[in-house]
Amino acid sequence: MDWVYKKLWIIKENLLNTFATSFVLGMFYFGPLVSVLITTSLVLSPLSPLLPFYLIWMYLDRKTPFRKGRRMGLLRSAKLHQRFRDYFPMSLIKTADIPPTKNYIFCCFPHGILGVGVHGEFSGENPQFQKLFPGINPLCHTLDSNFYYPFSREYVISMGYRSVSKEALLNNLTKGPGNASVIVVGGSAEAMHCKTGEHRVILRNRKGFVKLAITCGADLVPIYAFGENDLYHHYMFPEDSIIYKIQQAVRSFTGVAPTLVSGRGLFQSIFGLLPYKRPLHIVVGKPISVEKKENPTNEEISALHMTFTQELVNLFDNYKYKYLPKPDSVFLEVE
């Protein structure tokens, strides 16, 4: 009977992990849909008179994601976030010490379709992160639009997210030490080119984070998530097609990549909006020392950008042999 009990236990754990992942993705990545559903339900319920008060609260609270934020420890340490990590599963790999005597910008690649590695490892109270990097306080930054959706914004803010605006980044990086601003440098542009088995990052013309690092004296930390691009099947269209041009127009206007993808469902692995259950390995590189300078020249910014790019490529090349099936034929493309 032991094998029966073990089998039932595995089924139960897989179901709980799947439900936890559905909740996390629904509240964060599908914020507009969740907001519409909750708002509609509230309008049709006896609690509808409360809705105007909540909208007033949203207006009064609009600056929170740009300044101090509002973390909720109970939510950040909830078991569902560990189940979210176990769903894939995720693993966090340390390559060097990160002393809590400075501030840092954690630069994550690639974005993938949703950037779930960043959310899973850096947004909540992750015991593994705290064990590997004691004294470091990671703070994830995301698009401003995620703070505009009623109700789902409360989850995003409570998880500790702040705007990816310069104001919010400076607010975090000028305090500390021990603060780490977590950003996905390639953003939605990277999501548009996400493809299983390929490794392309948008970095060549992204230098704003480098200038910010110099002006704040924050060290740069390259991070690569092996497996991020393999979590969905992405239906890509030719760049000269009408659909692709519409996608780019929407992305330019909203900042969100309107990709067409398929994954798995709650009870089957053939189709759905949930990501595939494939391992994610988030490798944290060694910090690149940055000397503080209030007004860096273009040459200084370009030089540090070149150093960072090379360190990211080296990180990928060093660990692809451990986490990719055919490492000799795979290379990191920097665009």
C-alpha atoms as a PDB file:
ATOM      1  CA  MET A   1       0.000   0.000   0.000  1.00  0.00           C
ATOM      2  CA  ASP A   2       3.005   2.303   0.381  1.00  0.00           C
ATOM      3  CA  TRP A   3       3.267   2.848  -3.361  1.00  0.00           C
ATOM      4  CA  VAL A   4      -0.423   3.822  -3.504  1.00  0.00           C
ATOM      5  CA  TYR A   5       0.037   6.369  -0.727  1.00  0.00           C
ATOM      6  CA  LYS A   6       3.160   7.735  -2.432  1.00  0.00           C
ATOM      7  CA  LYS A   7       1.352   8.040  -5.749  1.00  0.00           C
ATOM      8  CA  LEU A   8      -1.596   9.862  -4.141  1.00  0.00           C
ATOM      9  CA  TRP A   9       0.788  12.189  -2.315  1.00  0.00           C
ATOM     10  CA  ILE A  10       2.547  13.095  -5.579  1.00  0.00           C
ATOM     11  CA  ILE A  11      -0.792  13.760  -7.285  1.00  0.00           C
ATOM     12  CA  LYS A  12      -1.904  15.969  -4.387  1.00  0.00           C
ATOM     13  CA  GLU A  13       1.351  17.964  -4.405  1.00  0.00           C
ATOM     14  CA  ASN A  14       1.234  18.430  -8.177  1.00  0.00           C
ATOM     15  CA  LEU A  15      -2.358  19.686  -7.986  1.00  0.00           C
ATOM     16  CA  LEU A  16      -1.576  22.115  -5.167  1.00  0.00           C
ATOM     17  CA  ASN A  17       1.468  23.420  -7.045  1.00  0.00           C
ATOM     18  CA  THR A  18      -0.644  23.861 -10.178  1.00  0.00           C
ATOM     19  CA  PHE A  19      -3.405  25.735  -8.332  1.00  0.00           C
ATOM     20  CA  ALA A  20      -0.811  27.953  -6.637  1.00  0.00           C
ATOM     21  CA  THR A  21       0.747  28.754 -10.011  1.00  0.00           C
ATOM     22  CA  SER A  22      -2.677  29.575 -11.447  1.00  0.00           C
ATOM     23  CA  PHE A  23      -3.307  32.042  -8.629  1.00  0.00           C
ATOM     24  CA  VAL A  24       0.107  33.725  -8.872  1.00  0.00           C
ATOM     25  CA  LEU A  25      -0.047  34.077 -12.669  1.00  0.00           C
ATOM     26  CA  GLY A  26      -3.655  35.233 -12.523  1.00  0.00           C
ATOM     27  CA  MET A  27      -3.057  37.978  -9.990  1.00  0.00           C
ATOM     28  CA  PHE A  28       0.161  39.296 -11.516  1.00  0.00           C
ATOM     29  CA  TYR A  29       0.359  38.477 -15.207  1.00  0.00           C
ATOM     30  CA  PHE A  30      -3.345  38.502 -16.032  1.00  0.00           C
ATOM     31  CA  GLY A  31      -4.148  41.590 -13.975  1.00  0.00           C
ATOM     32  CA  PRO A  32      -6.553  43.175 -16.500  1.00  0.00           C
ATOM     33  CA  LEU A  33      -8.691  40.039 -16.689  1.00  0.00           C
ATOM     34  CA  VAL A  34      -8.726  39.583 -12.914  1.00  0.00           C
ATOM     35  CA  SER A  35      -9.607  43.259 -12.444  1.00  0.00           C
ATOM     36  CA  VAL A  36     -12.541  43.019 -14.856  1.00  0.00           C
ATOM     37  CA  LEU A  37     -13.873  39.862 -13.194  1.00  0.00           C
ATOM     38  CA  ILE A  38     -13.624  41.227  -9.653  1.00  0.00           C
ATOM     39  CA  THR A  39     -14.995  44.651 -10.579  1.00  0.00           C
ATOM     40  CA  THR A  40     -17.938  43.134 -12.484  1.00  0.00           C
ATOM     41  CA  SER A  41     -18.725  40.801  -9.598  1.00  0.00           C
ATOM     42  CA  LEU A  42     -18.600  43.710  -7.178  1.00  0.00           C
ATOM     43  CA  VAL A  43     -20.881  45.884  -9.324  1.00  0.00           C
ATOM     44  CA  LEU A  44     -23.469  43.108  -9.441  1.00  0.00           C
ATOM     45  CA  SER A  45     -23.288  42.435  -5.706  1.00  0.00           C
ATOM     46  CA  PRO A  46     -24.755  44.253  -2.672  1.00  0.00           C
ATOM     47  CA  LEU A  47     -21.253  45.627  -2.056  1.00  0.00           C
ATOM     48  CA  SER A  48     -21.344  47.828  -5.171  1.00  0.00           C
ATOM     49  CA  PRO A  49     -21.620  51.087  -3.118  1.00  0.00           C
ATOM     50  CA  LEU A  50     -18.080  50.388  -1.869  1.00  0.00           C
ATOM     51  CA  LEU A  51     -16.545  50.522  -5.340  1.00  0.00           C
ATOM     52  CA  PRO A  52     -16.333  54.349  -5.588  1.00  0.00           C
ATOM     53  CA  PHE A  53     -14.487  54.431  -2.252  1.00  0.00           C
ATOM     54  CA  TYR A  54     -11.957  51.914  -3.534  1.00  0.00           C
ATOM     55  CA  LEU A  55     -11.402  53.944  -6.710  1.00  0.00           C
ATOM     56  CA  ILE A  56     -10.775  57.012  -4.559  1.00  0.00           C
ATOM     57  CA  TRP A  57      -8.279  54.956  -2.567  1.00  0.00           C
ATOM     58  CA  MET A  58      -6.533  53.951  -5.794  1.00  0.00           C
ATOM     59  CA  TYR A  59      -6.138  57.600  -6.746  1.00  0.00           C
ATOM     60  CA  LEU A  60      -4.802  58.615  -3.335  1.00  0.00           C
ATOM     61  CA  ASP A  61      -2.445  55.620  -3.352  1.00  0.00           C
ATOM     62  CA  ARG A  62      -1.147  56.165  -6.893  1.00  0.00           C
ATOM     63  CA  LYS A  63       2.352  57.289  -5.820  1.00  0.00           C
ATOM     64  CA  THR A  64       3.062  54.301  -3.579  1.00  0.00           C
ATOM     65  CA  PRO A  65       4.726  52.155  -6.304  1.00  0.00           C
ATOM     66  CA  PHE A  66       7.071  55.049  -7.120  1.00  0.00           C
ATOM     67  CA  ARG A  67       8.200  55.716  -3.557  1.00  0.00           C
ATOM     68  CA  LYS A  68       8.254  53.540  -0.430  1.00  0.00           C
ATOM     69  CA  GLY A  69       6.002  50.757  -1.668  1.00  0.00           C
ATOM     70  CA  ARG A  70       3.903  48.659   0.682  1.00  0.00           C
ATOM     71  CA  ARG A  71       5.063  45.129   1.361  1.00  0.00           C
ATOM     72  CA  MET A  72       2.883  42.570   3.120  1.00  0.00           C
ATOM     73  CA  GLY A  73       5.068  40.041   4.881  1.00  0.00           C
ATOM     74  CA  LEU A  74       2.246  37.534   5.348  1.00  0.00           C
ATOM     75  CA  LEU A  75       1.603  37.382   1.600  1.00  0.00           C
ATOM     76  CA  ARG A  76       5.280  37.408   0.597  1.00  0.00           C
ATOM     77  CA  SER A  77       6.057  34.449   2.861  1.00  0.00           C
ATOM     78  CA  ALA A  78       2.928  32.453   1.960  1.00  0.00           C
ATOM     79  CA  LYS A  79       3.409  28.792   1.083  1.00  0.00           C
ATOM     80  CA  LEU A  80       1.848  29.303  -2.352  1.00  0.00           C
ATOM     81  CA  HIS A  81       5.020  31.064  -3.579  1.00  0.00           C
ATOM     82  CA  GLN A  82       7.158  28.061  -2.687  1.00  0.00           C
ATOM     83  CA  ARG A  83       4.627  25.889  -4.506  1.00  0.00           C
ATOM     84  CA  PHE A  84       4.962  28.231  -7.480  1.00  0.00           C
ATOM     85  CA  ARG A  85       8.707  27.555  -7.475  1.00  0.00           C
ATOM     86  CA  ASP A  86       8.168  23.814  -7.041  1.00  0.00           C
ATOM     87  CA  TYR A  87       5.774  23.707 -10.005  1.00  0.00           C
ATOM     88  CA  PHE A  88       8.596  23.957 -12.591  1.00  0.00           C
ATOM     89  CA  PRO A  89      10.777  23.449 -10.438  1.00  0.00           C
ATOM     90  CA  MET A  90      13.046  26.484 -10.014  1.00  0.00           C
ATOM     91  CA  SER A  91      16.566  26.552  -8.641  1.00  0.00           C
ATOM     92  CA  LEU A  92      18.756  29.519  -7.696  1.00  0.00           C
ATOM     93  CA  ILE A  93      22.491  29.177  -8.385  1.00  0.00           C
ATOM     94  CA  LYS A  94      25.113  31.303  -6.667  1.00  0.00           C
ATOM     95  CA  THR A  95      28.434  31.886  -8.450  1.00  0.00           C
ATOM     96  CA  ALA A  96      29.976  34.502  -6.144  1.00  0.00           C
ATOM     97  CA  ASP A  97      29.419  36.278  -2.860  1.00  0.00           C
ATOM     98  CA  ILE A  98      27.371  39.476  -2.920  1.00  0.00           C
ATOM     99  CA  PRO A  99      28.334  41.427   0.211  1.00  0.00           C
ATOM    100  CA  PRO A 100      25.611  43.606   1.789  1.00  0.00           C
ATOM    101  CA  THR A 101      27.974  46.580   1.950  1.00  0.00           C
ATOM    102  CA  LYS A 102      26.810  48.070  -1.349  1.00  0.00           C
ATOM    103  CA  ASN A 103      23.661  48.454  -3.423  1.00  0.00           C
ATOM    104  CA  TYR A 104      23.112  46.451  -6.608  1.00  0.00           C
ATOM    105  CA  ILE A 105      21.170  46.305  -9.831  1.00  0.00           C
ATOM    106  CA  PHE A 106      20.232  42.708 -10.603  1.00  0.00           C
ATOM    107  CA  CYS A 107      20.010  42.575 -14.415  1.00  0.00           C
ATOM    108  CA  CYS A 108      17.964  39.550 -15.460  1.00  0.00           C
ATOM    109  CA  PHE A 109      17.891  37.829 -18.849  1.00  0.00           C
ATOM    110  CA  PRO A 110      15.971  36.663 -20.777  1.00  0.00           C
ATOM    111  CA  HIS A 111      12.457  38.038 -20.313  1.00  0.00           C
ATOM    112  CA  GLY A 112      10.794  34.988 -21.869  1.00  0.00           C
ATOM    113  CA  ILE A 113       7.028  35.211 -22.281  1.00  0.00           C
ATOM    114  CA  LEU A 114       6.242  36.169 -18.684  1.00  0.00           C
ATOM    115  CA  GLY A 115       9.526  36.436 -16.802  1.00  0.00           C
ATOM    116  CA  VAL A 116       8.419  33.910 -14.194  1.00  0.00           C
ATOM    117  CA  GLY A 117      11.950  33.239 -12.941  1.00  0.00           C
ATOM    118  CA  VAL A 118      12.307  36.780 -11.656  1.00  0.00           C
ATOM    119  CA  HIS A 119       8.937  36.654  -9.916  1.00  0.00           C
ATOM    120  CA  GLY A 120       9.579  33.262  -8.379  1.00  0.00           C
ATOM    121  CA  GLU A 121      13.061  33.866  -6.998  1.00  0.00           C
ATOM    122  CA  PHE A 122      13.191  37.577  -6.177  1.00  0.00           C
ATOM    123  CA  SER A 123       9.712  38.914  -5.393  1.00  0.00           C
ATOM    124  CA  GLY A 124       8.738  37.062  -2.203  1.00  0.00           C
ATOM    125  CA  GLU A 125      10.397  35.974   1.021  1.00  0.00           C
ATOM    126  CA  ASN A 126      12.469  33.257  -0.596  1.00  0.00           C
ATOM    127  CA  PRO A 127      14.365  31.216   2.041  1.00  0.00           C
ATOM    128  CA  GLN A 128      16.835  29.969  -0.573  1.00  0.00           C
ATOM    129  CA  PHE A 129      17.751  33.512  -1.627  1.00  0.00           C
ATOM    130  CA  GLN A 130      18.148  34.618   1.993  1.00  0.00           C
ATOM    131  CA  LYS A 131      20.425  31.645   2.649  1.00  0.00           C
ATOM    132  CA  LEU A 132      22.616  32.250  -0.399  1.00  0.00           C
ATOM    133  CA  PHE A 133      22.746  36.054  -0.171  1.00  0.00           C
ATOM    134  CA  PRO A 134      22.288  37.096   3.471  1.00  0.00           C
ATOM    135  CA  GLY A 135      21.757  40.797   4.042  1.00  0.00           C
ATOM    136  CA  ILE A 136      20.604  41.502   0.464  1.00  0.00           C
ATOM    137  CA  ASN A 137      17.109  42.941   0.068  1.00  0.00           C
ATOM    138  CA  PRO A 138      15.857  42.321  -3.508  1.00  0.00           C
ATOM    139  CA  LEU A 139      13.179  44.637  -4.859  1.00  0.00           C
ATOM    140  CA  CYS A 140      11.512  43.842  -8.180  1.00  0.00           C
ATOM    141  CA  HIS A 141      10.536  46.610 -10.587  1.00  0.00           C
ATOM    142  CA  THR A 142       7.773  46.261 -13.171  1.00  0.00           C
ATOM    143  CA  LEU A 143       5.748  48.240 -15.722  1.00  0.00           C
ATOM    144  CA  ASP A 144       3.661  51.125 -14.399  1.00  0.00           C
ATOM    145  CA  SER A 145       0.574  49.611 -16.048  1.00  0.00           C
ATOM    146  CA  ASN A 146       0.562  46.793 -13.475  1.00  0.00           C
ATOM    147  CA  PHE A 147      -0.401  49.370 -10.846  1.00  0.00           C
ATOM    148  CA  TYR A 148      -3.399  50.685 -12.787  1.00  0.00           C
ATOM    149  CA  TYR A 149      -5.615  47.590 -12.612  1.00  0.00           C
ATOM    150  CA  PRO A 150      -8.125  47.609  -9.724  1.00  0.00           C
ATOM    151  CA  PHE A 151      -7.639  44.909  -7.076  1.00  0.00           C
ATOM    152  CA  SER A 152      -4.835  43.016  -8.831  1.00  0.00           C
ATOM    153  CA  ARG A 153      -2.594  46.042  -8.163  1.00  0.00           C
ATOM    154  CA  GLU A 154      -2.936  45.360  -4.443  1.00  0.00           C
ATOM    155  CA  TYR A 155      -1.356  41.942  -4.921  1.00  0.00           C
ATOM    156  CA  VAL A 156       1.485  43.406  -6.998  1.00  0.00           C
ATOM    157  CA  ILE A 157       2.208  46.156  -4.455  1.00  0.00           C
ATOM    158  CA  SER A 158       1.900  43.814  -1.472  1.00  0.00           C
ATOM    159  CA  MET A 159       4.426  41.459  -3.064  1.00  0.00           C
ATOM    160  CA  GLY A 160       6.892  44.346  -2.918  1.00  0.00           C
ATOM    161  CA  TYR A 161       6.928  45.399  -6.550  1.00  0.00           C
ATOM    162  CA  ARG A 162       7.649  48.994  -7.493  1.00  0.00           C
ATOM    163  CA  SER A 163       7.636  50.912 -10.718  1.00  0.00           C
ATOM    164  CA  VAL A 164      10.548  50.481 -13.103  1.00  0.00           C
ATOM    165  CA  SER A 165      10.657  54.278 -13.484  1.00  0.00           C
ATOM    166  CA  LYS A 166      13.805  56.245 -12.753  1.00  0.00           C
ATOM    167  CA  GLU A 167      12.129  57.779  -9.705  1.00  0.00           C
ATOM    168  CA  ALA A 168      11.441  54.396  -8.094  1.00  0.00           C
ATOM    169  CA  LEU A 169      14.875  53.003  -8.956  1.00  0.00           C
ATOM    170  CA  LEU A 170      16.633  56.016  -7.479  1.00  0.00           C
ATOM    171  CA  ASN A 171      14.451  55.810  -4.386  1.00  0.00           C
ATOM    172  CA  ASN A 172      15.735  52.290  -3.742  1.00  0.00           C
ATOM    173  CA  LEU A 173      19.349  52.639  -4.855  1.00  0.00           C
ATOM    174  CA  THR A 174      20.084  55.813  -2.890  1.00  0.00           C
ATOM    175  CA  LYS A 175      19.237  54.026   0.362  1.00  0.00           C
ATOM    176  CA  GLY A 176      20.784  50.988   1.953  1.00  0.00           C
ATOM    177  CA  PRO A 177      23.344  49.473   1.719  1.00  0.00           C
ATOM    178  CA  GLY A 178      22.197  45.979   0.855  1.00  0.00           C
ATOM    179  CA  ASN A 179      19.404  46.977  -1.525  1.00  0.00           C
ATOM    180  CA  ALA A 180      19.106  45.271  -4.908  1.00  0.00           C
ATOM    181  CA  SER A 181      16.835  46.577  -7.649  1.00  0.00           C
ATOM    182  CA  VAL A 182      15.782  43.664  -9.859  1.00  0.00           C
ATOM    183  CA  ILE A 183      15.052  44.566 -13.490  1.00  0.00           C
ATOM    184  CA  VAL A 184      14.527  42.663 -16.752  1.00  0.00           C
ATOM    185  CA  VAL A 185      16.620  44.730 -19.136  1.00  0.00           C
ATOM    186  CA  GLY A 186      15.232  43.336 -22.399  1.00  0.00           C
ATOM    187  CA  GLY A 187      11.619  43.865 -21.366  1.00  0.00           C
ATOM    188  CA  SER A 188       8.712  43.177 -23.684  1.00  0.00           C
ATOM    189  CA  ALA A 189      10.921  43.522 -26.775  1.00  0.00           C
ATOM    190  CA  GLU A 190      12.647  40.313 -25.679  1.00  0.00           C
ATOM    191  CA  ALA A 191       9.298  38.581 -25.217  1.00  0.00           C
ATOM    192  CA  MET A 192       8.485  39.187 -28.881  1.00  0.00           C
ATOM    193  CA  HIS A 193      11.548  37.139 -29.909  1.00  0.00           C
ATOM    194  CA  CYS A 194      11.189  34.402 -27.296  1.00  0.00           C
ATOM    195  CA  LYS A 195      11.523  30.942 -28.842  1.00  0.00           C
ATOM    196  CA  THR A 196      12.109  27.517 -27.331  1.00  0.00           C
ATOM    197  CA  GLY A 197      15.735  26.448 -27.651  1.00  0.00           C
ATOM    198  CA  GLU A 198      16.987  29.907 -28.667  1.00  0.00           C
ATOM    199  CA  HIS A 199      18.805  32.449 -26.520  1.00  0.00           C
ATOM    200  CA  ARG A 200      18.465  36.042 -27.710  1.00  0.00           C
ATOM    201  CA  VAL A 201      18.728  39.058 -25.432  1.00  0.00           C
ATOM    202  CA  ILE A 202      18.011  42.718 -26.142  1.00  0.00           C
ATOM    203  CA  LEU A 203      20.969  44.588 -24.699  1.00  0.00           C
ATOM    204  CA  ARG A 204      23.112  46.321 -27.306  1.00  0.00           C
ATOM    205  CA  ASN A 205      21.269  49.661 -27.155  1.00  0.00           C
ATOM    206  CA  ARG A 206      20.034  49.390 -23.558  1.00  0.00           C
ATOM    207  CA  LYS A 207      22.400  51.621 -21.591  1.00  0.00           C
ATOM    208  CA  GLY A 208      20.073  53.464 -19.228  1.00  0.00           C
ATOM    209  CA  PHE A 209      20.604  50.925 -16.436  1.00  0.00           C
ATOM    210  CA  VAL A 210      24.377  51.330 -16.806  1.00  0.00           C
ATOM    211  CA  LYS A 211      24.176  55.111 -16.433  1.00  0.00           C
ATOM    212  CA  LEU A 212      21.924  54.666 -13.405  1.00  0.00           C
ATOM    213  CA  ALA A 213      24.421  52.257 -11.843  1.00  0.00           C
ATOM    214  CA  ILE A 214      27.262  54.770 -12.234  1.00  0.00           C
ATOM    215  CA  THR A 215      25.286  57.733 -10.869  1.00  0.00           C
ATOM    216  CA  CYS A 216      24.232  55.683  -7.830  1.00  0.00           C
ATOM    217  CA  GLY A 217      27.446  53.716  -7.395  1.00  0.00           C
ATOM    218  CA  ALA A 218      25.490  50.457  -7.558  1.00  0.00           C
ATOM    219  CA  ASP A 219      27.292  47.309  -8.692  1.00  0.00           C
ATOM    220  CA  LEU A 220      25.828  45.438 -11.659  1.00  0.00           C
ATOM    221  CA  VAL A 221      24.946  41.746 -11.313  1.00  0.00           C
ATOM    222  CA  PRO A 222      24.288  39.728 -14.513  1.00  0.00           C
ATOM    223  CA  ILE A 223      21.658  36.991 -14.111  1.00  0.00           C
ATOM    224  CA  TYR A 224      20.599  34.385 -16.651  1.00  0.00           C
ATOM    225  CA  ALA A 225      17.533  32.138 -16.353  1.00  0.00           C
ATOM    226  CA  PHE A 226      18.150  28.900 -18.222  1.00  0.00           C
ATOM    227  CA  GLY A 227      14.801  27.452 -19.295  1.00  0.00           C
ATOM    228  CA  GLU A 228      12.826  30.724 -19.293  1.00  0.00           C
ATOM    229  CA  ASN A 229      12.317  30.623 -23.058  1.00  0.00           C
ATOM    230  CA  ASP A 230      11.068  27.028 -22.950  1.00  0.00           C
ATOM    231  CA  LEU A 231       7.965  27.515 -20.790  1.00  0.00           C
ATOM    232  CA  TYR A 232       5.541  28.252 -23.658  1.00  0.00           C
ATOM    233  CA  HIS A 233       5.126  27.531 -27.327  1.00  0.00           C
ATOM    234  CA  HIS A 234       5.256  30.949 -28.964  1.00  0.00           C
ATOM    235  CA  TYR A 235       3.451  31.423 -32.270  1.00  0.00           C
ATOM    236  CA  MET A 236       5.677  33.924 -34.044  1.00  0.00           C
ATOM    237  CA  PHE A 237       4.780  35.870 -37.174  1.00  0.00           C
ATOM    238  CA  PRO A 238       7.070  37.262 -39.898  1.00  0.00           C
ATOM    239  CA  GLU A 239       8.261  40.782 -39.171  1.00  0.00           C
ATOM    240  CA  ASP A 240       6.715  42.055 -42.411  1.00  0.00           C
ATOM    241  CA  SER A 241       3.283  40.577 -41.603  1.00  0.00           C
ATOM    242  CA  ILE A 242       0.279  42.677 -40.559  1.00  0.00           C
ATOM    243  CA  ILE A 243      -0.163  40.705 -37.330  1.00  0.00           C
ATOM    244  CA  TYR A 244       3.429  41.365 -36.263  1.00  0.00           C
ATOM    245  CA  LYS A 245       3.071  45.070 -37.003  1.00  0.00           C
ATOM    246  CA  ILE A 246      -0.115  45.179 -34.903  1.00  0.00           C
ATOM    247  CA  GLN A 247       1.711  43.401 -32.079  1.00  0.00           C
ATOM    248  CA  GLN A 248       4.527  45.944 -32.204  1.00  0.00           C
ATOM    249  CA  ALA A 249       2.058  48.840 -32.260  1.00  0.00           C
ATOM    250  CA  VAL A 250       0.296  47.496 -29.173  1.00  0.00           C
ATOM    251  CA  ARG A 251       3.624  46.920 -27.436  1.00  0.00           C
ATOM    252  CA  SER A 252       4.797  50.452 -28.217  1.00  0.00           C
ATOM    253  CA  PHE A 253       1.577  51.915 -26.835  1.00  0.00           C
ATOM    254  CA  THR A 254       1.132  49.756 -23.714  1.00  0.00           C
ATOM    255  CA  GLY A 255       4.613  48.399 -22.986  1.00  0.00           C
ATOM    256  CA  VAL A 256       3.142  44.883 -22.974  1.00  0.00           C
ATOM    257  CA  ALA A 257       4.000  42.300 -25.638  1.00  0.00           C
ATOM    258  CA  PRO A 258       0.723  40.807 -27.000  1.00  0.00           C
ATOM    259  CA  THR A 259       2.190  37.407 -27.777  1.00  0.00           C
ATOM    260  CA  LEU A 260       0.193  34.396 -28.951  1.00  0.00           C
ATOM    261  CA  VAL A 261       1.247  31.379 -26.907  1.00  0.00           C
ATOM    262  CA  SER A 262       0.093  27.990 -25.720  1.00  0.00           C
ATOM    263  CA  GLY A 263       1.082  26.021 -22.670  1.00  0.00           C
ATOM    264  CA  ARG A 264      -0.745  23.526 -20.506  1.00  0.00           C
ATOM    265  CA  GLY A 265      -3.978  23.469 -18.506  1.00  0.00           C
ATOM    266  CA  LEU A 266      -4.937  22.627 -14.936  1.00  0.00           C
ATOM    267  CA  PHE A 267      -5.502  18.924 -15.567  1.00  0.00           C
ATOM    268  CA  GLN A 268      -3.824  18.275 -18.926  1.00  0.00           C
ATOM    269  CA  SER A 269      -0.561  19.173 -20.658  1.00  0.00           C
ATOM    270  CA  ILE A 270      -1.804  19.619 -24.248  1.00  0.00           C
ATOM    271  CA  PHE A 271      -3.000  23.243 -24.265  1.00  0.00           C
ATOM    272  CA  GLY A 272      -3.758  26.114 -21.903  1.00  0.00           C
ATOM    273  CA  LEU A 273      -2.360  29.327 -20.410  1.00  0.00           C
ATOM    274  CA  LEU A 274      -0.223  27.764 -17.695  1.00  0.00           C
ATOM    275  CA  PRO A 275       3.499  27.362 -18.448  1.00  0.00           C
ATOM    276  CA  TYR A 276       4.908  23.929 -19.111  1.00  0.00           C
ATOM    277  CA  LYS A 277       6.461  22.118 -16.155  1.00  0.00           C
ATOM    278  CA  ARG A 278      10.077  22.491 -17.204  1.00  0.00           C
ATOM    279  CA  PRO A 279      13.079  23.189 -14.937  1.00  0.00           C
ATOM    280  CA  LEU A 280      14.244  26.769 -14.473  1.00  0.00           C
ATOM    281  CA  HIS A 281      17.817  27.471 -13.375  1.00  0.00           C
ATOM    282  CA  ILE A 282      18.435  31.093 -12.384  1.00  0.00           C
ATOM    283  CA  VAL A 283      22.199  31.689 -12.313  1.00  0.00           C
ATOM    284  CA  VAL A 284      23.359  34.778 -10.414  1.00  0.00           C
ATOM    285  CA  GLY A 285      26.703  36.052 -11.687  1.00  0.00           C
ATOM    286  CA  LYS A 286      29.433  37.870  -9.826  1.00  0.00           C
ATOM    287  CA  PRO A 287      29.001  41.614  -9.161  1.00  0.00           C
ATOM    288  CA  ILE A 288      30.700  44.052 -11.502  1.00  0.00           C
ATOM    289  CA  SER A 289      32.257  46.820  -9.427  1.00  0.00           C
ATOM    290  CA  VAL A 290      30.982  50.285 -10.327  1.00  0.00           C
ATOM    291  CA  GLU A 291      32.568  53.557  -9.237  1.00  0.00           C
ATOM    292  CA  LYS A 292      30.088  56.293  -8.400  1.00  0.00           C
ATOM    293  CA  LYS A 293      30.121  59.382 -10.613  1.00  0.00           C
ATOM    294  CA  GLU A 294      27.311  61.917 -10.815  1.00  0.00           C
ATOM    295  CA  ASN A 295      27.798  62.867 -14.469  1.00  0.00           C
ATOM    296  CA  PRO A 296      29.388  59.970 -16.367  1.00  0.00           C
ATOM    297  CA  THR A 297      30.523  60.530 -19.938  1.00  0.00           C
ATOM    298  CA  ASN A 298      29.187  58.533 -22.860  1.00  0.00           C
ATOM    299  CA  GLU A 299      32.566  56.827 -23.121  1.00  0.00           C
ATOM    300  CA  GLU A 300      32.420  55.699 -19.490  1.00  0.00           C
ATOM    301  CA  ILE A 301      28.877  54.406 -19.927  1.00  0.00           C
ATOM    302  CA  SER A 302      29.810  52.525 -23.111  1.00  0.00           C
ATOM    303  CA  ALA A 303      32.895  51.000 -21.493  1.00  0.00           C
ATOM    304  CA  LEU A 304      30.925  49.667 -18.525  1.00  0.00           C
ATOM    305  CA  HIS A 305      28.173  48.472 -20.856  1.00  0.00           C
ATOM    306  CA  MET A 306      30.751  46.526 -22.863  1.00  0.00           C
ATOM    307  CA  THR A 307      32.145  44.986 -19.688  1.00  0.00           C
ATOM    308  CA  PHE A 308      28.679  43.975 -18.533  1.00  0.00           C
ATOM    309  CA  THR A 309      27.830  42.441 -21.917  1.00  0.00           C
ATOM    310  CA  GLN A 310      30.988  40.353 -21.872  1.00  0.00           C
ATOM    311  CA  GLU A 311      30.332  39.190 -18.307  1.00  0.00           C
ATOM    312  CA  LEU A 312      26.801  38.123 -19.284  1.00  0.00           C
ATOM    313  CA  VAL A 313      28.117  36.173 -22.274  1.00  0.00           C
ATOM    314  CA  ASN A 314      30.773  34.542 -20.067  1.00  0.00           C
ATOM    315  CA  LEU A 315      28.115  33.583 -17.514  1.00  0.00           C
ATOM    316  CA  PHE A 316      26.025  31.970 -20.235  1.00  0.00           C
ATOM    317  CA  ASP A 317      28.994  30.150 -21.766  1.00  0.00           C
ATOM    318  CA  ASN A 318      30.186  28.826 -18.415  1.00  0.00           C
ATOM    319  CA  TYR A 319      26.843  27.390 -17.321  1.00  0.00           C
ATOM    320  CA  LYS A 320      25.262  26.289 -20.598  1.00  0.00           C
ATOM    321  CA  TYR A 321      27.192  23.023 -20.315  1.00  0.00           C
ATOM    322  CA  LYS A 322      25.366  22.260 -17.093  1.00  0.00           C
ATOM    323  CA  TYR A 323      21.833  23.328 -17.991  1.00  0.00           C
ATOM    324  CA  LEU A 324      21.421  22.972 -21.771  1.00  0.00           C
ATOM    325  CA  PRO A 325      21.087  19.674 -23.673  1.00  0.00           C
ATOM    326  CA  LYS A 326      23.373  20.542 -26.628  1.00  0.00           C
ATOM    327  CA  PRO A 327      25.661  23.283 -25.308  1.00  0.00           C
ATOM    328  CA  ASP A 328      28.291  23.188 -28.064  1.00  0.00           C
ATOM    329  CA  SER A 329      25.746  24.272 -30.688  1.00  0.00           C
ATOM    330  CA  VAL A 330      24.076  26.998 -28.585  1.00  0.00           C
ATOM    331  CA  PHE A 331      25.300  30.578 -28.298  1.00  0.00           C
ATOM    332  CA  LEU A 332      23.943  33.724 -26.682  1.00  0.00           C
ATOM    333  CA  GLU A 333      22.795  36.241 -29.280  1.00  0.00           C
ATOM    334  CA  VAL A 334      23.071  39.860 -28.127  1.00  0.00           C
ATOM    335  CA  GLU A 335      20.947  42.348 -30.066  1.00  0.00           C
END
